[in-house]
Protein backbone atom coordinates (compact mmCIF):
# COMPACT_ATOMS: atom_id res chain seq x y z
CA MET A 1 0.00 0.01 0.04
CA ALA A 2 2.64 2.53 1.05
CA GLY A 3 4.70 2.08 -2.11
CA GLY A 4 1.81 2.87 -4.33
CA TYR A 5 0.82 5.94 -2.33
CA GLU A 6 4.43 7.27 -2.25
CA GLU A 7 4.82 6.86 -6.01
CA TRP A 8 1.59 8.71 -6.60
CA ALA A 9 2.25 11.52 -4.08
CA ALA A 10 5.80 12.01 -5.47
CA ALA A 11 4.55 12.39 -9.05
CA ARG A 12 1.33 14.31 -8.33
CA SER A 13 1.95 16.63 -5.47
CA PRO A 14 3.38 19.50 -7.54
CA ALA A 15 0.20 19.62 -9.60
CA LEU A 16 -1.86 19.35 -6.42
CA LEU A 17 -0.01 22.24 -4.92
CA ARG A 18 -0.48 24.26 -8.12
CA PHE A 19 -4.24 23.60 -7.78
CA ALA A 20 -4.29 24.73 -4.19
CA HIS A 21 -2.32 27.92 -4.94
CA ALA A 22 -4.79 28.79 -7.68
CA LEU A 23 -7.65 28.35 -5.20
CA THR A 24 -6.18 30.33 -2.32
CA GLU A 25 -3.48 32.62 -3.69
CA ASP A 26 -2.00 32.15 -0.20
CA GLY A 27 1.18 30.02 -0.08
CA PRO A 28 0.92 28.84 3.55
CA ALA A 29 -2.84 28.18 3.23
CA ALA A 30 -2.24 26.23 0.00
CA GLU A 31 0.52 24.14 1.54
CA ALA A 32 -1.61 23.43 4.62
CA ALA A 33 -4.53 22.34 2.47
CA VAL A 34 -2.29 20.04 0.42
CA ARG A 35 -0.63 18.52 3.49
CA ALA A 36 -4.08 17.71 5.00
CA ALA A 37 -5.31 16.26 1.68
CA LEU A 38 -2.20 14.07 1.39
CA VAL A 39 -2.68 12.68 4.91
CA ARG A 40 -6.32 11.88 4.33
CA THR A 41 -5.48 10.30 0.86
CA CYS A 42 -2.80 8.07 2.46
CA LYS A 43 -5.26 6.89 5.08
CA ALA A 44 -7.81 6.04 2.37
CA TRP A 45 -5.40 4.66 -0.07
CA PRO A 46 -6.54 0.98 0.02
CA THR A 47 -10.04 2.12 -0.87
CA ILE A 48 -8.87 4.47 -3.52
CA GLU A 49 -6.77 1.80 -5.09
CA ARG A 50 -9.81 -0.33 -5.67
CA GLY A 51 -11.29 1.95 -8.17
CA GLY A 52 -11.08 5.63 -7.22
CA ASP A 53 -9.01 8.29 -8.93
CA PRO A 54 -6.51 9.63 -6.45
CA ASP A 55 -6.06 12.86 -8.43
CA LEU A 56 -9.66 13.73 -8.13
CA VAL A 57 -9.99 12.53 -4.46
CA ALA A 58 -7.11 14.70 -3.39
CA ARG A 59 -8.53 17.72 -5.15
CA ARG A 60 -11.90 17.17 -3.52
CA LEU A 61 -10.15 17.21 -0.14
CA VAL A 62 -8.32 20.43 -0.99
CA VAL A 63 -11.60 21.99 -2.02
CA ASP A 64 -13.16 20.89 1.26
CA ALA A 65 -10.35 22.61 3.06
CA THR A 66 -10.72 25.91 1.14
CA GLY A 67 -14.53 25.91 0.96
CA ASN A 68 -14.93 27.70 -2.50
CA ARG A 69 -16.68 25.41 -4.93
CA ARG A 70 -17.35 27.90 -7.73
CA ARG A 71 -13.76 29.09 -7.90
CA ALA A 72 -12.67 25.43 -7.76
CA ALA A 73 -14.88 24.80 -10.87
CA VAL A 74 -13.32 27.60 -12.77
CA VAL A 75 -9.76 26.43 -11.74
CA LEU A 76 -10.47 22.82 -12.71
CA ARG A 77 -11.72 23.99 -16.17
CA LEU A 78 -9.20 26.64 -17.04
CA LEU A 79 -6.07 25.35 -15.33
CA GLU A 80 -6.60 21.65 -15.81
CA ASN A 81 -9.17 21.42 -18.58
CA ARG A 82 -11.22 18.93 -16.57
CA SER A 83 -14.45 17.57 -17.99
CA ASP A 84 -17.89 18.33 -16.32
CA GLU A 85 -17.88 14.72 -15.10
CA GLU A 86 -14.51 15.17 -13.34
CA ILE A 87 -15.50 18.59 -11.94
CA ALA A 88 -18.70 17.11 -10.56
CA GLU A 89 -16.71 14.36 -8.84
CA VAL A 90 -14.33 16.84 -7.22
CA LEU A 91 -17.28 19.12 -6.06
CA GLY A 92 -19.42 16.22 -4.99
CA THR A 93 -22.35 17.61 -7.08
CA SER A 94 -24.32 16.67 -10.09
CA HIS A 95 -22.94 17.32 -13.60
CA ALA A 96 -25.56 20.00 -14.20
CA PHE A 97 -24.51 21.90 -11.10
CA ALA A 98 -20.89 21.53 -11.98
CA ARG A 99 -21.52 22.89 -15.42
CA SER A 100 -23.51 25.81 -14.00
CA GLN A 101 -20.64 26.73 -11.64
CA VAL A 102 -18.22 26.75 -14.44
CA GLN A 103 -20.31 28.86 -16.73
CA ARG A 104 -21.12 31.42 -14.06
CA GLY A 105 -17.50 31.63 -12.97
CA LEU A 106 -16.24 32.00 -16.57
CA ALA A 107 -18.88 34.77 -17.19
CA THR A 108 -17.70 36.61 -14.19
CA LEU A 109 -14.11 36.30 -15.23
CA GLN A 110 -15.02 37.55 -18.71
CA ARG A 111 -16.57 40.68 -17.16
CA ASP A 112 -13.71 41.27 -14.73
CA LEU A 113 -10.82 41.26 -17.13
CA PRO A 114 -10.80 44.58 -18.96
CA ALA A 115 -11.03 44.62 -22.72
CA ASP A 116 -10.81 47.82 -24.79
CA ASP A 117 -10.52 46.18 -28.17
CA GLY A 118 -13.23 43.59 -28.24
CA SER A 119 -10.76 40.75 -27.95
CA THR A 120 -11.80 37.36 -26.63
CA LEU A 121 -11.00 36.05 -23.18
CA ASP A 122 -8.24 33.80 -24.53
CA ASP A 123 -6.70 36.70 -26.31
CA ARG A 124 -6.52 38.73 -23.14
CA LEU A 125 -5.14 35.81 -21.16
CA GLY A 126 -2.49 35.40 -23.86
CA ARG A 127 -1.45 39.06 -23.55
CA SER A 128 -1.06 38.61 -19.91
CA LEU A 129 1.68 35.97 -20.44
CA ALA A 130 4.38 38.74 -20.20
CA SER A 131 3.21 39.35 -16.59
CA THR A 132 3.32 35.71 -15.58
CA PRO A 133 5.58 35.02 -12.59
CA PRO A 134 8.92 33.27 -13.37
CA HIS A 135 7.44 30.01 -12.20
CA PRO A 136 3.99 30.11 -13.66
CA PHE A 137 2.49 27.61 -11.41
CA ALA A 138 3.75 29.12 -8.23
CA PRO A 139 1.61 31.63 -6.30
CA PRO A 140 2.02 35.22 -7.64
CA ALA A 141 3.64 37.12 -4.81
CA THR A 142 3.81 40.64 -6.27
CA VAL A 143 0.64 40.98 -8.29
CA GLU A 144 -1.92 43.37 -6.88
CA THR A 145 -5.52 43.18 -7.54
CA ALA A 146 -8.11 45.96 -7.75
CA PRO A 147 -10.65 45.96 -4.94
CA PRO A 148 -13.99 44.33 -5.69
CA ARG A 149 -16.41 46.41 -7.71
CA GLY A 150 -20.17 46.65 -7.33
CA GLY A 151 -20.32 44.47 -4.29
CA ARG A 152 -19.00 41.39 -5.91
CA PRO A 153 -17.37 38.69 -3.76
CA ALA A 154 -13.68 39.19 -3.22
CA TRP A 155 -12.76 36.10 -5.16
CA VAL A 156 -14.10 37.60 -8.36
CA ALA A 157 -11.54 40.45 -8.51
CA ALA A 158 -8.85 37.91 -7.57
CA LEU A 159 -9.65 35.90 -10.69
CA ALA A 160 -7.61 38.27 -12.68
CA VAL A 161 -4.66 36.97 -10.80
CA LEU A 162 -5.76 33.38 -11.56
CA ALA A 163 -5.66 34.34 -15.21
CA LEU A 164 -1.94 34.86 -15.03
CA ILE A 165 -1.60 31.37 -13.67
CA VAL A 166 -3.73 29.61 -16.24
CA THR A 167 -2.17 31.30 -19.34
CA VAL A 168 0.63 28.85 -19.76
CA ALA A 169 -1.85 25.94 -19.70
CA LEU A 170 -4.08 27.67 -22.22
CA VAL A 171 -1.44 28.78 -24.58
CA ALA A 172 0.80 25.78 -24.55
CA LYS A 173 -1.96 23.18 -23.90
CA ALA A 174 0.56 21.64 -21.56
CA ASN A 175 0.26 18.35 -19.71
CA ARG A 176 -1.94 18.93 -16.72
CA THR A 177 0.20 16.76 -14.36
CA PRO A 178 4.00 16.27 -14.08
CA SER A 179 5.58 13.14 -15.37
CA GLY A 180 6.08 10.40 -12.84
CA VAL A 181 5.75 6.69 -12.16
CA ILE A 182 2.15 5.88 -11.22
CA THR A 183 1.10 2.56 -9.86
CA TYR A 184 -1.91 1.14 -11.46
CA PRO A 185 -3.40 -1.51 -9.03
CA SER A 186 -4.89 -4.63 -10.57
CA VAL A 187 -8.64 -4.28 -10.89
CA GLN A 188 -11.54 -6.55 -11.64
CA ALA A 189 -13.15 -5.74 -15.05
CA PRO A 190 -16.78 -6.17 -15.68
CA THR A 191 -17.75 -9.73 -16.73
CA ASP A 192 -18.85 -8.62 -20.19
CA TRP A 193 -15.53 -7.00 -21.13
CA ARG A 194 -13.29 -8.80 -23.57
CA TYR A 195 -9.48 -9.47 -23.58
CA GLU A 196 -7.28 -7.64 -26.14
CA SER A 197 -3.55 -8.14 -26.52
CA TYR A 198 -0.60 -7.04 -28.57
CA ASP A 199 2.90 -8.32 -28.46
CA GLY A 200 2.69 -9.75 -24.99
CA VAL A 201 0.64 -6.97 -23.33
CA GLN A 202 -2.93 -7.87 -22.46
CA VAL A 203 -5.83 -5.57 -21.27
CA GLN A 204 -9.62 -5.74 -20.97
CA VAL A 205 -12.02 -3.38 -22.64
CA PRO A 206 -15.73 -3.10 -23.17
CA ALA A 207 -17.00 -5.75 -25.64
CA THR A 208 -18.61 -3.10 -27.86
CA TRP A 209 -15.31 -1.44 -28.73
CA GLY A 210 -14.27 -1.76 -32.31
CA PHE A 211 -10.87 -2.20 -33.96
CA GLY A 212 -8.54 0.20 -35.62
CA GLY A 213 -4.99 1.49 -35.88
CA SER A 214 -2.41 3.43 -33.92
CA PRO A 215 0.66 5.29 -35.20
CA LEU A 216 3.34 3.16 -36.63
CA HIS A 217 6.92 3.49 -37.94
CA ALA A 218 6.61 3.48 -41.74
CA ASP A 219 9.20 3.14 -44.53
CA PHE A 220 6.97 5.22 -46.85
CA LEU A 221 7.39 8.11 -44.34
CA GLN A 222 11.24 7.66 -44.20
CA GLY A 223 10.98 5.72 -41.07
CA ARG A 224 9.06 8.31 -39.11
CA LEU A 225 5.88 7.70 -37.25
CA GLY A 226 2.83 7.77 -39.39
CA ALA A 227 -0.86 7.56 -38.76
CA CYS A 228 -2.89 5.54 -41.23
CA GLY A 229 -6.37 5.57 -39.80
CA ALA A 230 -5.18 5.93 -36.20
CA ASN A 231 -7.96 8.33 -35.06
CA GLN A 232 -11.03 6.11 -35.50
CA ALA A 233 -12.26 2.63 -35.70
CA ALA A 234 -11.83 0.60 -38.95
CA VAL A 235 -14.22 -2.28 -38.07
CA LEU A 236 -17.11 -2.56 -35.66
CA SER A 237 -17.16 -5.15 -32.87
CA ALA A 238 -19.72 -7.98 -33.39
CA ALA A 239 -21.23 -6.89 -30.06
CA ASP A 240 -21.91 -3.43 -31.35
CA HIS A 241 -25.31 -3.04 -32.86
CA ALA A 242 -24.43 0.14 -34.75
CA THR A 243 -24.76 -0.08 -38.65
CA TYR A 244 -21.65 1.76 -39.57
CA VAL A 245 -18.31 3.08 -38.14
CA SER A 246 -18.08 6.72 -37.13
CA SER A 247 -15.69 9.04 -35.25
CA ALA A 248 -17.70 8.26 -32.11
CA THR A 249 -17.08 4.54 -32.25
CA ALA A 250 -14.89 3.48 -29.33
CA PHE A 251 -12.02 1.22 -30.46
CA VAL A 252 -8.65 -0.49 -29.73
CA GLY A 253 -5.85 0.56 -32.06
CA ARG A 254 -2.72 -1.30 -33.06
CA PRO A 255 0.28 -0.06 -35.25
CA ALA A 256 -1.04 -1.18 -38.66
CA LYS A 257 -1.47 0.38 -42.04
CA LEU A 258 -5.32 0.29 -42.53
CA THR A 259 -5.74 3.05 -45.16
CA GLU A 260 -3.85 4.85 -47.86
CA ALA A 261 -4.69 8.23 -46.20
CA CYS A 262 -1.54 8.26 -44.16
CA VAL A 263 -0.13 11.38 -42.56
CA PRO A 264 3.05 11.98 -40.50
CA TRP A 265 2.59 11.63 -36.79
CA GLY A 266 1.94 14.98 -35.11
CA SER A 267 -0.26 16.31 -37.90
CA ASP A 268 -3.72 17.63 -36.91
CA GLY A 269 -6.54 15.10 -36.75
CA VAL A 270 -4.61 11.96 -35.72
CA MET A 271 -5.90 11.80 -32.19
CA PRO A 272 -9.08 9.88 -31.36
CA THR A 273 -12.02 12.10 -30.42
CA ALA A 274 -13.94 9.41 -28.55
CA ASP A 275 -13.03 6.51 -26.18
CA ALA A 276 -10.10 4.50 -27.54
CA LEU A 277 -6.98 2.54 -26.61
CA TRP A 278 -3.62 2.58 -28.46
CA PHE A 279 -1.15 -0.25 -28.15
CA GLU A 280 2.48 0.70 -28.85
CA SER A 281 1.55 4.40 -28.24
CA PRO A 282 4.03 7.19 -29.08
CA LEU A 283 2.62 9.36 -26.27
CA PRO A 284 4.76 9.79 -23.16
CA VAL A 285 3.77 8.30 -19.77
CA GLY A 286 1.41 10.54 -17.90
CA VAL A 287 -1.97 12.29 -18.38
CA LYS A 288 -2.42 14.89 -21.18
CA ASN A 289 -5.39 16.83 -22.72
CA VAL A 290 -5.57 16.03 -26.40
CA GLY A 291 -8.57 17.95 -27.70
CA SER A 292 -11.93 16.62 -26.74
CA VAL A 293 -10.57 13.70 -24.76
CA VAL A 294 -7.79 13.09 -22.14
CA ALA A 295 -5.01 10.65 -22.91
CA GLU A 296 -3.54 8.62 -20.03
CA THR A 297 -0.44 6.55 -20.74
CA ARG A 298 1.12 3.63 -18.90
CA ALA A 299 4.42 1.97 -19.65
CA ILE A 300 4.22 -1.83 -19.47
CA GLY A 301 5.89 -4.76 -21.19
CA GLY A 302 8.32 -2.64 -23.23
CA GLN A 303 5.56 -0.49 -24.84
CA HIS A 304 3.31 2.50 -23.94
CA LEU A 305 -0.38 1.85 -23.55
CA THR A 306 -2.67 4.93 -23.95
CA VAL A 307 -6.41 5.12 -23.11
CA PHE A 308 -8.33 8.09 -24.49
CA SER A 309 -11.50 9.11 -22.60
CA THR A 310 -13.05 12.01 -20.75
CA ARG A 311 -13.84 9.52 -17.91
CA SER A 312 -10.95 9.06 -15.55
CA ALA A 313 -12.47 6.07 -13.88
CA LEU A 314 -12.71 4.25 -17.27
CA ARG A 315 -9.09 5.16 -18.09
CA ARG A 316 -7.78 3.84 -14.79
CA GLN A 317 -10.02 0.74 -14.96
CA ILE A 318 -8.70 -0.28 -18.39
CA LEU A 319 -4.99 0.50 -17.52
CA GLY A 320 -5.50 -1.38 -14.23
CA THR A 321 -6.24 -4.58 -16.18
CA ALA A 322 -2.95 -4.47 -18.16
CA GLN A 323 -0.47 -7.28 -17.65
CA VAL A 324 2.42 -8.93 -19.45
CA VAL A 325 1.69 -12.45 -20.67
CA ASP A 326 3.45 -15.25 -22.66
CA THR A 327 0.04 -16.71 -23.68
CA ASP A 328 -2.88 -14.43 -23.53
CA ALA A 329 -6.38 -15.15 -22.12
CA ASN A 330 -7.71 -16.09 -25.56
CA GLY A 331 -5.05 -18.89 -25.80
CA CYS A 332 -2.66 -17.15 -28.23
CA PRO A 333 1.08 -17.35 -27.63
CA ARG A 334 3.14 -14.21 -27.80
CA ASN A 335 5.77 -16.18 -29.80
CA ALA A 336 4.39 -16.64 -33.34
CA VAL A 337 2.86 -19.91 -34.38
CA HIS A 338 4.32 -20.56 -37.95
CA GLN A 339 3.72 -24.26 -38.37
CA ALA A 340 0.60 -26.43 -38.29
CA THR A 341 0.62 -29.23 -35.67
CA ALA A 342 -1.67 -32.28 -35.48
CA GLY A 343 -2.46 -32.25 -31.76
CA PRO A 344 -3.71 -35.36 -29.97
CA ASP A 345 -5.87 -37.99 -31.62
CA ARG A 346 -9.67 -37.62 -31.30
CA LEU A 347 -9.31 -34.11 -29.92
CA THR A 348 -12.66 -32.67 -28.65
CA PRO A 349 -12.13 -28.86 -28.82
CA THR A 350 -13.35 -26.76 -25.91
CA SER A 351 -12.35 -23.46 -27.57
CA LEU A 352 -10.94 -21.87 -30.69
CA ALA A 353 -8.06 -19.42 -30.33
CA ILE A 354 -7.82 -17.08 -33.24
CA CYS A 355 -4.32 -15.47 -33.50
CA VAL A 356 -3.40 -12.79 -36.02
CA TYR A 357 0.43 -12.50 -36.39
CA SER A 358 2.24 -9.68 -38.20
CA GLN A 359 5.71 -8.98 -39.47
CA ASP A 360 4.98 -5.32 -40.24
CA SER A 361 7.70 -4.19 -37.73
CA GLY A 362 10.26 -6.64 -39.01
CA SER A 363 9.86 -9.38 -36.43
CA SER A 364 6.82 -11.62 -35.85
CA VAL A 365 4.37 -10.01 -33.38
CA LEU A 366 0.98 -11.22 -32.04
CA MET A 367 -1.16 -8.42 -33.34
CA TRP A 368 -4.66 -9.48 -32.30
CA SER A 369 -6.31 -12.44 -30.63
CA GLY A 370 -9.84 -13.72 -30.19
CA ARG A 371 -11.65 -16.68 -28.88
CA MET A 372 -14.65 -18.81 -29.91
CA ASP A 373 -16.52 -21.27 -27.59
CA GLY A 374 -16.56 -25.04 -27.89
CA PRO A 375 -19.55 -25.35 -30.30
CA ALA A 376 -17.95 -22.87 -32.74
CA ALA A 377 -14.69 -24.66 -32.43
CA GLN A 378 -16.39 -28.00 -33.36
CA ARG A 379 -18.14 -26.43 -36.30
CA TYR A 380 -14.87 -25.20 -37.64
CA ALA A 381 -13.18 -28.60 -37.17
CA ASP A 382 -16.11 -30.37 -38.88
CA ALA A 383 -16.12 -27.81 -41.80
CA VAL A 384 -12.32 -28.27 -42.27
CA GLY A 385 -12.69 -32.03 -42.19
CA GLN A 386 -15.48 -31.96 -44.80
CA ALA A 387 -13.89 -29.43 -47.18
CA GLY A 388 -11.53 -31.73 -49.01
CA PRO A 389 -8.08 -30.83 -50.25
CA SER A 390 -7.03 -27.55 -51.73
CA ALA A 391 -5.11 -27.13 -55.00
CA ALA A 392 -3.37 -24.10 -53.74
CA GLU A 393 0.47 -24.15 -53.64
CA CYS A 394 1.70 -22.56 -50.38
CA PRO A 395 5.18 -22.10 -49.16
CA GLY A 396 6.17 -23.80 -45.91
CA THR A 397 6.26 -20.68 -43.61
CA PRO A 398 3.77 -17.80 -43.86
CA THR A 399 5.03 -14.21 -43.93
CA GLY A 400 3.42 -10.77 -43.83
CA ARG A 401 0.28 -11.34 -41.79
CA TRP A 402 -1.36 -14.63 -41.14
CA VAL A 403 -3.80 -16.35 -38.80
CA ALA A 404 -3.06 -19.27 -36.51
CA LEU A 405 -6.13 -21.19 -35.21
CA GLY A 406 -5.69 -23.22 -32.02
CA LEU A 407 -8.19 -25.95 -31.34
CA HIS A 408 -7.77 -26.23 -27.58
CA GLY A 409 -9.09 -29.34 -25.74
CA ASP A 410 -8.56 -31.08 -22.40
CA SER A 411 -6.00 -33.35 -24.04
CA GLY A 412 -4.01 -30.79 -25.93
CA THR A 413 -4.09 -28.28 -28.84
CA ARG A 414 -4.15 -28.62 -32.61
CA TRP A 415 -2.80 -25.62 -34.69
CA ASP A 416 -3.96 -24.81 -38.11
CA VAL A 417 -2.32 -21.88 -39.97
CA VAL A 418 -4.18 -19.70 -42.46
CA ASP A 419 -1.82 -18.40 -45.12
CA LEU A 420 -3.66 -15.45 -46.83
CA ARG A 421 -1.02 -15.20 -49.62
CA CYS A 422 -2.10 -18.56 -51.07
CA GLY A 423 -5.64 -18.44 -49.73
CA ALA A 424 -5.66 -21.68 -47.87
CA ILE A 425 -5.63 -23.33 -44.43
CA LEU A 426 -2.49 -25.26 -43.74
CA ARG A 427 -2.99 -28.41 -41.55
CA ALA A 428 -0.64 -31.03 -40.36
CA GLY A 429 -2.37 -33.46 -42.64
CA GLY A 430 -2.66 -31.38 -45.80
CA ILE A 431 -4.04 -28.06 -47.22
CA THR A 432 -7.76 -27.03 -46.99
CA PRO A 433 -9.36 -24.27 -49.03
CA LEU A 434 -10.91 -21.10 -47.64
CA THR A 435 -14.63 -21.47 -48.01
CA PRO A 436 -17.69 -19.83 -46.36
CA ALA A 437 -18.02 -22.86 -44.19
CA THR A 438 -14.31 -22.89 -43.12
CA VAL A 439 -14.09 -19.23 -42.24
CA ARG A 440 -17.52 -17.85 -41.14
CA ASP A 441 -17.06 -18.83 -37.38
CA TRP A 442 -13.71 -17.15 -36.84
CA ALA A 443 -13.02 -14.58 -39.56
CA ARG A 444 -14.61 -11.44 -37.96
CA ASP A 445 -13.80 -8.64 -35.53
CA GLY A 446 -9.96 -8.27 -35.39
CA VAL A 447 -9.49 -10.70 -38.23
CA THR A 448 -11.48 -8.39 -40.54
CA ALA A 449 -9.59 -5.41 -39.31
CA TYR A 450 -6.01 -6.72 -39.52
CA ALA A 451 -5.68 -10.00 -41.54
CA ILE A 452 -5.02 -8.85 -45.14
CA ALA A 453 -6.58 -10.72 -47.99
CA GLY A 454 -4.03 -11.49 -50.76
CA PRO A 455 -5.05 -11.92 -54.39
CA ALA A 456 -5.37 -15.71 -53.98
CA VAL A 457 -8.13 -15.47 -51.37
CA PRO A 458 -11.40 -16.60 -53.03
CA ARG A 459 -13.90 -13.78 -53.74
CA PRO A 460 -16.72 -15.49 -51.70
CA VAL A 461 -14.66 -15.12 -48.48
CA ALA A 462 -12.56 -12.01 -49.22
CA SER A 463 -15.03 -9.68 -47.37
CA HIS A 464 -14.06 -11.49 -44.15
CA PHE A 465 -10.61 -10.03 -44.30
CA HIS A 466 -9.04 -6.54 -44.70
CA PRO A 467 -8.41 -5.53 -48.26
CA ALA A 468 -4.74 -5.11 -49.32
CA VAL A 469 -3.42 -1.53 -48.97
CA GLY A 470 -0.26 -0.03 -50.38
C-alpha cells in the first residue's frame, strides 16, 4: 500500500499544490490544504486503489479545506481542462450543477478582465503572459488586484490573478500533471468486457469497442511515425449493434496500415475524439489533454499503452487490467505460431483461439487475438474435415500477416495456419481451401480489421478480411 501511495504522491503533489495555490492565492494556506489532503489520501489509499481516482479525490479534499466550490470549478476547467464529469466528482455535485458553476465563474471572469478592443477572453489571457511570474504555477507574490467592484465577492476580483496562472496551460496546452511513475493496481473488469492483447501486453475493454490503428513507423514516411487511420475505428465489434463506423465509435488501435490516407505523426486530426486505446503508443507516460478527450499513458511490457477518454475512472480501470503475458487469455502465444501441428488424436475442442500475427515491424508479433467457444470450435473442425483438399500451392512458412487457429481441448491443442497469400488453411495433414464454411465462425472482428486478403483469397470469403493496401 505505502509504495503505491508514495509513487503517486511524489508524481502528483506538484500539480496538487499548483491547484491549491490557484484556489487560495495564499502560499501557507495552499500548503496546509495539500498536507491535509495528502494525509487523508494516504489513510484512504486501500479504498482509492480499488477503483477511485486519487487525483480527483485529493482535489476534493483540497476544495473541502478551502470551501470555495465555484472558484474550484473555474480552476479545474481553466487550469486543468477537466470535464464536467470530473469537476462534478471533485465538487461532490451533479454534472448539471458543476456545469453551471463553471459557466457562471467564466462569465464573471470575462466581465472582470478589462478589454478595450473587443478581444476574446483567450486573447486577453494570452497578452497577460508577459506578466506571468517566473514559475507560472507558483503563487504570484507581487501582483496586486483591484478591490471588488459593485459589491462582488472578493474572489471575483482575484480571478484576474488566476488568469496569470492559467495562461501557460491555455497557450501551450501543456500536460496537466507532471511526469512520474504511477502505480496502477490490478482491478476486476466487468464480466462482459473482452480481452485484447498486442505483443505480450494484455488488457480488458468493453465488448462493444471496435478495432482500428495506432501510429506506426513506416518506410513510406522515411522511417518516421505515421498515422494511417489511427484516429477512429476501422471495423465494428460484433457486439456493437451500430450499422456503420463513425468518429464516435470506441475502438482498440494497433500499429497497422489500414488506409492509404497516411499522414506524419503529429499532424492535426490523428488523435481519437472518442473513447479509444492505443497499443504501442507514441505518447509519453502521464496524463495529457488532447482535444476533446484526455489521454492517459502507462508503460508496461516494453511499450506504452494509452487510453483516451473524458472519464478518468474508465481510463484507470482499463489500464489497471494491463499485464504482461506469454500466452494471453484467448489462448494465443506471444511467440508466433508458424507451423501447423496435428495435436492429440480424437481431440474434442473446448475453444478456438484466433491469433493474427504480423511482420510489419520486421519481427513476428502477435497483433490480435480472439476466442470462440466449444460449439464454434467444433463447427470449424467439422467444416475443415469435410472441405476436402485444396489445389493451392503454399510455401512452408507464412510471412506478412497470417492467422493461427488453435483448437484447444482437455488433451492438448491442434494448430492450423491460415496463409492469406495462397488463400488456404495449412493443416498437419494437408491443405484445406478457404470457403464460407471454413471461415465464417472465426473470420470477424480483429481478423476483418487486420488480416489482409491477398489476391489468392477466393472472392466469396474475401470480405471477411481486410483488403490489401499500399
